């Protein structure tokens, strides 16, 4: 249900593009994509495309994450973000 609702919230061209593309599959040419896009745009000129079975995603809700930037001295920069009452708190961590 959530994927359907999000799919329908996207611009029509994006929804048609999702029907055209089998993401990450090897394709013969860009022209093939353009031709399929044109054909489906015509097909859905007066209707709304529905979410294809292969289209969806994951919702991530992190509660903590860290940024790390290495330095030759090993005195790396580390920042940890944690969520507390809908606000992100940032703390510097020792390397």
PDB file of N, CA and C in Angstrom:
ATOM      1  N   UNK A   1       0.825  -1.197   0.000  1.00  0.00           N
ATOM      2  CA  UNK A   1       0.000   0.000   0.000  1.00  0.00           C
ATOM      3  C   UNK A   1       0.865   1.255   0.000  1.00  0.00           C
ATOM      4  N   UNK A   2       1.913   1.240   0.830  1.00  0.00           N
ATOM      5  CA  UNK A   2       2.786   2.410   0.904  1.00  0.00           C
ATOM      6  C   UNK A   2       3.520   2.630  -0.421  1.00  0.00           C
ATOM      7  N   UNK A   3       3.989   1.545  -1.044  1.00  0.00           N
ATOM      8  CA  UNK A   3       4.661   1.654  -2.345  1.00  0.00           C
ATOM      9  C   UNK A   3       3.693   2.178  -3.398  1.00  0.00           C
ATOM     10  N   UNK A   4       2.450   1.689  -3.393  1.00  0.00           N
ATOM     11  CA  UNK A   4       1.448   2.173  -4.347  1.00  0.00           C
ATOM     12  C   UNK A   4       1.208   3.673  -4.178  1.00  0.00           C
ATOM     13  N   UNK A   5       1.049   4.106  -2.932  1.00  0.00           N
ATOM     14  CA  UNK A   5       0.789   5.523  -2.664  1.00  0.00           C
ATOM     15  C   UNK A   5       1.970   6.385  -3.095  1.00  0.00           C
ATOM     16  N   UNK A   6       3.186   5.932  -2.794  1.00  0.00           N
ATOM     17  CA  UNK A   6       4.360   6.715  -3.189  1.00  0.00           C
ATOM     18  C   UNK A   6       4.501   6.746  -4.713  1.00  0.00           C
ATOM     19  N   UNK A   7       4.276   5.612  -5.360  1.00  0.00           N
ATOM     20  CA  UNK A   7       4.359   5.557  -6.819  1.00  0.00           C
ATOM     21  C   UNK A   7       3.396   6.568  -7.438  1.00  0.00           C
ATOM     22  N   UNK A   8       2.162   6.610  -6.943  1.00  0.00           N
ATOM     23  CA  UNK A   8       1.164   7.529  -7.495  1.00  0.00           C
ATOM     24  C   UNK A   8       1.485   8.998  -7.207  1.00  0.00           C
ATOM     25  N   UNK A   9       2.312   9.273  -6.203  1.00  0.00           N
ATOM     26  CA  UNK A   9       2.669  10.662  -5.882  1.00  0.00           C
ATOM     27  C   UNK A   9       3.755  11.206  -6.814  1.00  0.00           C
ATOM     28  N   UNK A  10       4.416  10.337  -7.554  1.00  0.00           N
ATOM     29  CA  UNK A  10       5.502  10.747  -8.429  1.00  0.00           C
ATOM     30  C   UNK A  10       4.958  11.328  -9.732  1.00  0.00           C
ATOM     31  N   UNK A  11       5.752  12.171 -10.419  1.00  0.00           N
ATOM     32  CA  UNK A  11       5.296  12.710 -11.715  1.00  0.00           C
ATOM     33  C   UNK A  11       4.998  11.578 -12.703  1.00  0.00           C
ATOM     34  N   UNK A  12       4.052  11.820 -13.576  1.00  0.00           N
ATOM     35  CA  UNK A  12       3.631  10.788 -14.531  1.00  0.00           C
ATOM     36  C   UNK A  12       4.803  10.270 -15.362  1.00  0.00           C
ATOM     37  N   UNK A  13       5.689  11.154 -15.806  1.00  0.00           N
ATOM     38  CA  UNK A  13       6.847  10.711 -16.587  1.00  0.00           C
ATOM     39  C   UNK A  13       7.726   9.752 -15.790  1.00  0.00           C
ATOM     40  N   UNK A  14       7.875   9.985 -14.503  1.00  0.00           N
ATOM     41  CA  UNK A  14       8.668   9.085 -13.657  1.00  0.00           C
ATOM     42  C   UNK A  14       7.998   7.725 -13.533  1.00  0.00           C
ATOM     43  N   UNK A  15       6.668   7.718 -13.445  1.00  0.00           N
ATOM     44  CA  UNK A  15       5.944   6.445 -13.344  1.00  0.00           C
ATOM     45  C   UNK A  15       6.067   5.652 -14.641  1.00  0.00           C
ATOM     46  N   UNK A  16       5.994   6.346 -15.773  1.00  0.00           N
ATOM     47  CA  UNK A  16       6.165   5.665 -17.060  1.00  0.00           C
ATOM     48  C   UNK A  16       7.597   5.155 -17.184  1.00  0.00           C
ATOM     49  N   UNK A  17       8.555   5.947 -16.743  1.00  0.00           N
ATOM     50  CA  UNK A  17       9.948   5.506 -16.757  1.00  0.00           C
ATOM     51  C   UNK A  17      10.155   4.249 -15.940  1.00  0.00           C
ATOM     52  N   UNK A  18       9.439   4.109 -14.848  1.00  0.00           N
ATOM     53  CA  UNK A  18       9.542   2.901 -14.022  1.00  0.00           C
ATOM     54  C   UNK A  18       8.996   1.683 -14.754  1.00  0.00           C
ATOM     55  N   UNK A  19       7.993   1.886 -15.587  1.00  0.00           N
ATOM     56  CA  UNK A  19       7.455   0.786 -16.382  1.00  0.00           C
ATOM     57  C   UNK A  19       8.434   0.374 -17.487  1.00  0.00           C
ATOM     58  N   UNK A  20       9.134   1.353 -18.031  1.00  0.00           N
ATOM     59  CA  UNK A  20      10.089   1.101 -19.118  1.00  0.00           C
ATOM     60  C   UNK A  20      11.323   0.370 -18.613  1.00  0.00           C
ATOM     61  N   UNK A  21      11.817   0.754 -17.463  1.00  0.00           N
ATOM     62  CA  UNK A  21      13.117   0.287 -16.983  1.00  0.00           C
ATOM     63  C   UNK A  21      13.012  -0.907 -16.048  1.00  0.00           C
ATOM     64  N   UNK A  22      13.723  -1.960 -16.379  1.00  0.00           N
ATOM     65  CA  UNK A  22      13.950  -3.069 -15.455  1.00  0.00           C
ATOM     66  C   UNK A  22      15.308  -2.757 -14.834  1.00  0.00           C
ATOM     67  N   UNK A  23      15.328  -1.957 -13.798  1.00  0.00           N
ATOM     68  CA  UNK A  23      16.538  -1.359 -13.245  1.00  0.00           C
ATOM     69  C   UNK A  23      17.688  -2.357 -13.127  1.00  0.00           C
ATOM     70  N   UNK A  24      18.839  -1.925 -13.631  1.00  0.00           N
ATOM     71  CA  UNK A  24      20.113  -2.652 -13.604  1.00  0.00           C
ATOM     72  C   UNK A  24      20.203  -3.800 -14.608  1.00  0.00           C
ATOM     73  N   UNK A  25      19.150  -4.043 -15.367  1.00  0.00           N
ATOM     74  CA  UNK A  25      19.219  -5.065 -16.414  1.00  0.00           C
ATOM     75  C   UNK A  25      20.047  -4.525 -17.579  1.00  0.00           C
ATOM     76  N   UNK A  26      20.780  -5.408 -18.249  1.00  0.00           N
ATOM     77  CA  UNK A  26      21.554  -5.033 -19.438  1.00  0.00           C
ATOM     78  C   UNK A  26      20.562  -4.728 -20.559  1.00  0.00           C
ATOM     79  N   UNK A  27      20.789  -3.610 -21.263  1.00  0.00           N
ATOM     80  CA  UNK A  27      19.913  -3.221 -22.375  1.00  0.00           C
ATOM     81  C   UNK A  27      20.735  -3.074 -23.648  1.00  0.00           C
ATOM     82  N   UNK A  28      20.065  -3.156 -24.780  1.00  0.00           N
ATOM     83  CA  UNK A  28      20.754  -3.077 -26.068  1.00  0.00           C
ATOM     84  C   UNK A  28      21.129  -1.652 -26.447  1.00  0.00           C
ATOM     85  N   UNK A  29      20.284  -0.672 -26.058  1.00  0.00           N
ATOM     86  CA  UNK A  29      20.571   0.712 -26.461  1.00  0.00           C
ATOM     87  C   UNK A  29      19.691   1.703 -25.721  1.00  0.00           C
ATOM     88  N   UNK A  30      20.124   2.940 -25.729  1.00  0.00           N
ATOM     89  CA  UNK A  30      19.320   4.035 -25.190  1.00  0.00           C
ATOM     90  C   UNK A  30      18.068   4.207 -26.042  1.00  0.00           C
ATOM     91  N   UNK A  31      18.229   4.029 -27.350  1.00  0.00           N
ATOM     92  CA  UNK A  31      17.112   4.190 -28.284  1.00  0.00           C
ATOM     93  C   UNK A  31      15.949   3.269 -27.914  1.00  0.00           C
ATOM     94  N   UNK A  32      16.248   2.039 -27.510  1.00  0.00           N
ATOM     95  CA  UNK A  32      15.208   1.102 -27.105  1.00  0.00           C
ATOM     96  C   UNK A  32      14.404   1.677 -25.928  1.00  0.00           C
ATOM     97  N   UNK A  33      15.112   2.273 -24.961  1.00  0.00           N
ATOM     98  CA  UNK A  33      14.416   2.898 -23.828  1.00  0.00           C
ATOM     99  C   UNK A  33      13.509   4.033 -24.290  1.00  0.00           C
ATOM    100  N   UNK A  34      14.054   4.883 -25.149  1.00  0.00           N
ATOM    101  CA  UNK A  34      13.284   6.033 -25.644  1.00  0.00           C
ATOM    102  C   UNK A  34      12.046   5.583 -26.406  1.00  0.00           C
ATOM    103  N   UNK A  35      12.181   4.526 -27.212  1.00  0.00           N
ATOM    104  CA  UNK A  35      11.038   4.024 -27.983  1.00  0.00           C
ATOM    105  C   UNK A  35       9.963   3.445 -27.067  1.00  0.00           C
ATOM    106  N   UNK A  36      10.381   2.674 -26.070  1.00  0.00           N
ATOM    107  CA  UNK A  36       9.417   2.118 -25.116  1.00  0.00           C
ATOM    108  C   UNK A  36       8.736   3.239 -24.325  1.00  0.00           C
ATOM    109  N   UNK A  37       9.515   4.269 -23.958  1.00  0.00           N
ATOM    110  CA  UNK A  37       8.956   5.397 -23.217  1.00  0.00           C
ATOM    111  C   UNK A  37       7.900   6.117 -24.058  1.00  0.00           C
ATOM    112  N   UNK A  38       8.212   6.346 -25.336  1.00  0.00           N
ATOM    113  CA  UNK A  38       7.265   7.030 -26.230  1.00  0.00           C
ATOM    114  C   UNK A  38       5.991   6.213 -26.389  1.00  0.00           C
ATOM    115  N   UNK A  39       6.130   4.902 -26.569  1.00  0.00           N
ATOM    116  CA  UNK A  39       4.952   4.046 -26.742  1.00  0.00           C
ATOM    117  C   UNK A  39       4.080   4.041 -25.484  1.00  0.00           C
ATOM    118  N   UNK A  40       4.704   3.939 -24.314  1.00  0.00           N
ATOM    119  CA  UNK A  40       3.920   3.927 -23.077  1.00  0.00           C
ATOM    120  C   UNK A  40       3.333   5.296 -22.765  1.00  0.00           C
ATOM    121  N   UNK A  41       4.025   6.359 -23.131  1.00  0.00           N
ATOM    122  CA  UNK A  41       3.470   7.706 -22.935  1.00  0.00           C
ATOM    123  C   UNK A  41       2.186   7.868 -23.736  1.00  0.00           C
ATOM    124  N   UNK A  42       2.191   7.324 -24.940  1.00  0.00           N
ATOM    125  CA  UNK A  42       0.990   7.363 -25.773  1.00  0.00           C
ATOM    126  C   UNK A  42      -0.112   6.478 -25.180  1.00  0.00           C
ATOM    127  N   UNK A  43       0.271   5.293 -24.731  1.00  0.00           N
ATOM    128  CA  UNK A  43      -0.694   4.361 -24.141  1.00  0.00           C
ATOM    129  C   UNK A  43      -1.382   4.959 -22.916  1.00  0.00           C
ATOM    130  N   UNK A  44      -0.628   5.705 -22.104  1.00  0.00           N
ATOM    131  CA  UNK A  44      -1.177   6.282 -20.878  1.00  0.00           C
ATOM    132  C   UNK A  44      -1.506   7.768 -21.008  1.00  0.00           C
ATOM    133  N   UNK A  45      -1.729   8.225 -22.215  1.00  0.00           N
ATOM    134  CA  UNK A  45      -2.030   9.646 -22.426  1.00  0.00           C
ATOM    135  C   UNK A  45      -3.280  10.075 -21.653  1.00  0.00           C
ATOM    136  N   UNK A  46      -4.261   9.184 -21.562  1.00  0.00           N
ATOM    137  CA  UNK A  46      -5.529   9.529 -20.900  1.00  0.00           C
ATOM    138  C   UNK A  46      -5.831   8.659 -19.692  1.00  0.00           C
ATOM    139  N   UNK A  47      -4.805   8.003 -19.162  1.00  0.00           N
ATOM    140  CA  UNK A  47      -4.997   7.174 -17.973  1.00  0.00           C
ATOM    141  C   UNK A  47      -3.736   7.210 -17.127  1.00  0.00           C
ATOM    142  N   UNK A  48      -3.819   6.616 -15.962  1.00  0.00           N
ATOM    143  CA  UNK A  48      -2.706   6.644 -15.022  1.00  0.00           C
ATOM    144  C   UNK A  48      -2.032   5.273 -14.946  1.00  0.00           C
ATOM    145  N   UNK A  49      -0.713   5.230 -15.114  1.00  0.00           N
ATOM    146  CA  UNK A  49      -0.016   3.948 -14.987  1.00  0.00           C
ATOM    147  C   UNK A  49      -0.025   3.457 -13.541  1.00  0.00           C
ATOM    148  N   UNK A  50      -0.126   2.144 -13.388  1.00  0.00           N
ATOM    149  CA  UNK A  50      -0.101   1.531 -12.061  1.00  0.00           C
ATOM    150  C   UNK A  50       1.308   1.033 -11.755  1.00  0.00           C
ATOM    151  N   UNK A  51       1.603   0.915 -10.491  1.00  0.00           N
ATOM    152  CA  UNK A  51       2.932   0.478 -10.052  1.00  0.00           C
ATOM    153  C   UNK A  51       3.224  -0.925 -10.565  1.00  0.00           C
ATOM    154  N   UNK A  52       4.393  -1.090 -11.229  1.00  0.00           N
ATOM    155  CA  UNK A  52       4.768  -2.439 -11.650  1.00  0.00           C
ATOM    156  C   UNK A  52       5.206  -3.269 -10.449  1.00  0.00           C
ATOM    157  N   UNK A  53       5.076  -4.580 -10.567  1.00  0.00           N
ATOM    158  CA  UNK A  53       5.422  -5.488  -9.474  1.00  0.00           C
ATOM    159  C   UNK A  53       6.861  -5.326  -9.005  1.00  0.00           C
ATOM    160  N   UNK A  54       7.774  -5.041  -9.939  1.00  0.00           N
ATOM    161  CA  UNK A  54       9.195  -4.963  -9.587  1.00  0.00           C
ATOM    162  C   UNK A  54       9.572  -3.646  -8.898  1.00  0.00           C
ATOM    163  N   UNK A  55       8.646  -2.701  -8.787  1.00  0.00           N
ATOM    164  CA  UNK A  55       8.966  -1.372  -8.267  1.00  0.00           C
ATOM    165  C   UNK A  55       8.606  -1.305  -6.797  1.00  0.00           C
ATOM    166  N   UNK A  56       9.552  -0.843  -5.990  1.00  0.00           N
ATOM    167  CA  UNK A  56       9.296  -0.683  -4.562  1.00  0.00           C
ATOM    168  C   UNK A  56      10.538  -0.167  -3.877  1.00  0.00           C
ATOM    169  N   UNK A  57      10.552  -0.273  -2.605  1.00  0.00           N
ATOM    170  CA  UNK A  57      11.714   0.223  -1.873  1.00  0.00           C
ATOM    171  C   UNK A  57      11.663  -0.191  -0.428  1.00  0.00           C
ATOM    172  N   UNK A  58      12.583   0.348   0.307  1.00  0.00           N
ATOM    173  CA  UNK A  58      12.676   0.088   1.739  1.00  0.00           C
ATOM    174  C   UNK A  58      12.643   1.419   2.470  1.00  0.00           C
ATOM    175  N   UNK A  59      12.018   1.435   3.608  1.00  0.00           N
ATOM    176  CA  UNK A  59      12.034   2.627   4.448  1.00  0.00           C
ATOM    177  C   UNK A  59      13.012   2.356   5.582  1.00  0.00           C
ATOM    178  N   UNK A  60      14.027   3.200   5.654  1.00  0.00           N
ATOM    179  CA  UNK A  60      15.011   3.100   6.730  1.00  0.00           C
ATOM    180  C   UNK A  60      14.711   4.175   7.755  1.00  0.00           C
ATOM    181  N   UNK A  61      14.717   3.804   8.998  1.00  0.00           N
ATOM    182  CA  UNK A  61      14.510   4.756  10.075  1.00  0.00           C
ATOM    183  C   UNK A  61      15.682   4.624  11.051  1.00  0.00           C
ATOM    184  N   UNK A  62      16.786   5.274  10.715  1.00  0.00           N
ATOM    185  CA  UNK A  62      17.968   5.145  11.583  1.00  0.00           C
ATOM    186  C   UNK A  62      17.752   5.834  12.922  1.00  0.00           C
ATOM    187  N   UNK A  63      18.369   5.303  13.920  1.00  0.00           N
ATOM    188  CA  UNK A  63      18.356   5.941  15.239  1.00  0.00           C
ATOM    189  C   UNK A  63      19.760   6.415  15.602  1.00  0.00           C
ATOM    190  N   UNK A  64      20.756   5.910  14.841  1.00  0.00           N
ATOM    191  CA  UNK A  64      22.130   6.329  15.085  1.00  0.00           C
ATOM    192  C   UNK A  64      22.933   6.107  13.803  1.00  0.00           C
ATOM    193  N   UNK A  65      23.825   7.054  13.502  1.00  0.00           N
ATOM    194  CA  UNK A  65      24.780   6.832  12.426  1.00  0.00           C
ATOM    195  C   UNK A  65      26.029   7.635  12.700  1.00  0.00           C
ATOM    196  N   UNK A  66      27.091   7.275  11.996  1.00  0.00           N
ATOM    197  CA  UNK A  66      28.399   7.882  12.260  1.00  0.00           C
ATOM    198  C   UNK A  66      29.062   8.288  10.957  1.00  0.00           C
ATOM    199  N   UNK A  67      29.693   9.457  10.987  1.00  0.00           N
ATOM    200  CA  UNK A  67      30.562   9.897   9.895  1.00  0.00           C
ATOM    201  C   UNK A  67      31.997   9.728  10.357  1.00  0.00           C
ATOM    202  N   UNK A  68      32.802   9.167   9.479  1.00  0.00           N
ATOM    203  CA  UNK A  68      34.205   8.905   9.802  1.00  0.00           C
ATOM    204  C   UNK A  68      35.058   9.421   8.659  1.00  0.00           C
ATOM    205  N   UNK A  69      36.071  10.216   8.981  1.00  0.00           N
ATOM    206  CA  UNK A  69      37.017  10.695   7.974  1.00  0.00           C
ATOM    207  C   UNK A  69      38.418  10.359   8.464  1.00  0.00           C
ATOM    208  N   UNK A  70      39.089   9.503   7.707  1.00  0.00           N
ATOM    209  CA  UNK A  70      40.419   9.052   8.101  1.00  0.00           C
ATOM    210  C   UNK A  70      41.493  10.105   7.878  1.00  0.00           C
ATOM    211  N   UNK A  71      42.517  10.030   8.687  1.00  0.00           N
ATOM    212  CA  UNK A  71      43.679  10.904   8.572  1.00  0.00           C
ATOM    213  C   UNK A  71      44.931  10.049   8.706  1.00  0.00           C
ATOM    214  N   UNK A  72      46.017  10.434   8.032  1.00  0.00           N
ATOM    215  CA  UNK A  72      47.251   9.652   8.107  1.00  0.00           C
ATOM    216  C   UNK A  72      47.761   9.487   9.546  1.00  0.00           C
ATOM    217  N   UNK A  73      47.524  10.476  10.383  1.00  0.00           N
ATOM    218  CA  UNK A  73      47.990  10.430  11.772  1.00  0.00           C
ATOM    219  C   UNK A  73      47.174   9.463  12.630  1.00  0.00           C
ATOM    220  N   UNK A  74      46.112   8.921  12.067  1.00  0.00           N
ATOM    221  CA  UNK A  74      45.154   8.072  12.776  1.00  0.00           C
ATOM    222  C   UNK A  74      44.324   8.864  13.794  1.00  0.00           C
ATOM    223  N   UNK A  75      44.468  10.189  13.821  1.00  0.00           N
ATOM    224  CA  UNK A  75      43.581  11.024  14.641  1.00  0.00           C
ATOM    225  C   UNK A  75      42.362  11.356  13.773  1.00  0.00           C
ATOM    226  N   UNK A  76      41.611  10.324  13.460  1.00  0.00           N
ATOM    227  CA  UNK A  76      40.464  10.431  12.563  1.00  0.00           C
ATOM    228  C   UNK A  76      39.393  11.340  13.150  1.00  0.00           C
ATOM    229  N   UNK A  77      38.607  11.921  12.269  1.00  0.00           N
ATOM    230  CA  UNK A  77      37.418  12.664  12.694  1.00  0.00           C
ATOM    231  C   UNK A  77      36.249  11.701  12.697  1.00  0.00           C
ATOM    232  N   UNK A  78      35.555  11.634  13.822  1.00  0.00           N
ATOM    233  CA  UNK A  78      34.374  10.781  13.965  1.00  0.00           C
ATOM    234  C   UNK A  78      33.259  11.592  14.618  1.00  0.00           C
ATOM    235  N   UNK A  79      32.100  11.546  13.991  1.00  0.00           N
ATOM    236  CA  UNK A  79      30.924  12.213  14.533  1.00  0.00           C
ATOM    237  C   UNK A  79      29.784  11.214  14.568  1.00  0.00           C
ATOM    238  N   UNK A  80      29.151  11.107  15.704  1.00  0.00           N
ATOM    239  CA  UNK A  80      28.016  10.203  15.863  1.00  0.00           C
ATOM    240  C   UNK A  80      26.751  11.025  16.057  1.00  0.00           C
ATOM    241  N   UNK A  81      25.752  10.705  15.265  1.00  0.00           N
ATOM    242  CA  UNK A  81      24.449  11.346  15.363  1.00  0.00           C
ATOM    243  C   UNK A  81      23.465  10.338  15.944  1.00  0.00           C
ATOM    244  N   UNK A  82      22.711  10.776  16.940  1.00  0.00           N
ATOM    245  CA  UNK A  82      21.657   9.949  17.523  1.00  0.00           C
ATOM    246  C   UNK A  82      20.375  10.777  17.588  1.00  0.00           C
ATOM    247  N   UNK A  83      19.269  10.100  17.442  1.00  0.00           N
ATOM    248  CA  UNK A  83      17.997  10.826  17.477  1.00  0.00           C
ATOM    249  C   UNK A  83      17.408  10.766  18.879  1.00  0.00           C
ATOM    250  N   UNK A  84      16.912  11.907  19.318  1.00  0.00           N
ATOM    251  CA  UNK A  84      16.293  12.003  20.628  1.00  0.00           C
ATOM    252  C   UNK A  84      15.120  12.964  20.530  1.00  0.00           C
ATOM    253  N   UNK A  85      13.931  12.466  20.757  1.00  0.00           N
ATOM    254  CA  UNK A  85      12.715  13.279  20.721  1.00  0.00           C
ATOM    255  C   UNK A  85      12.622  14.076  19.414  1.00  0.00           C
ATOM    256  N   UNK A  86      12.815  13.389  18.292  1.00  0.00           N
ATOM    257  CA  UNK A  86      12.695  13.963  16.946  1.00  0.00           C
ATOM    258  C   UNK A  86      13.771  14.979  16.597  1.00  0.00           C
ATOM    259  N   UNK A  87      14.841  15.028  17.352  1.00  0.00           N
ATOM    260  CA  UNK A  87      15.955  15.934  17.044  1.00  0.00           C
ATOM    261  C   UNK A  87      17.246  15.124  17.002  1.00  0.00           C
ATOM    262  N   UNK A  88      18.108  15.438  16.054  1.00  0.00           N
ATOM    263  CA  UNK A  88      19.392  14.746  15.949  1.00  0.00           C
ATOM    264  C   UNK A  88      20.425  15.437  16.822  1.00  0.00           C
ATOM    265  N   UNK A  89      21.099  14.660  17.642  1.00  0.00           N
ATOM    266  CA  UNK A  89      22.182  15.156  18.503  1.00  0.00           C
ATOM    267  C   UNK A  89      23.508  14.677  17.899  1.00  0.00           C
ATOM    268  N   UNK A  90      24.493  15.546  17.903  1.00  0.00           N
ATOM    269  CA  UNK A  90      25.800  15.207  17.332  1.00  0.00           C
ATOM    270  C   UNK A  90      26.862  15.231  18.423  1.00  0.00           C
ATOM    271  N   UNK A  91      27.669  14.178  18.465  1.00  0.00           N
ATOM    272  CA  UNK A  91      28.783  14.115  19.390  1.00  0.00           C
ATOM    273  C   UNK A  91      30.052  13.728  18.626  1.00  0.00           C
ATOM    274  N   UNK A  92      31.137  14.376  18.980  1.00  0.00           N
ATOM    275  CA  UNK A  92      32.442  13.999  18.422  1.00  0.00           C
ATOM    276  C   UNK A  92      32.938  12.793  19.219  1.00  0.00           C
ATOM    277  N   UNK A  93      33.429  11.787  18.512  1.00  0.00           N
ATOM    278  CA  UNK A  93      33.952  10.591  19.161  1.00  0.00           C
ATOM    279  C   UNK A  93      35.462  10.559  19.066  1.00  0.00           C
ATOM    280  N   UNK A  94      36.075   9.957  20.034  1.00  0.00           N
ATOM    281  CA  UNK A  94      37.515   9.741  20.005  1.00  0.00           C
ATOM    282  C   UNK A  94      37.830   8.765  18.863  1.00  0.00           C
ATOM    283  N   UNK A  95      38.982   8.991  18.182  1.00  0.00           N
ATOM    284  CA  UNK A  95      39.305   8.077  17.090  1.00  0.00           C
ATOM    285  C   UNK A  95      39.636   6.704  17.612  1.00  0.00           C
TER     286      UNK A  95
END
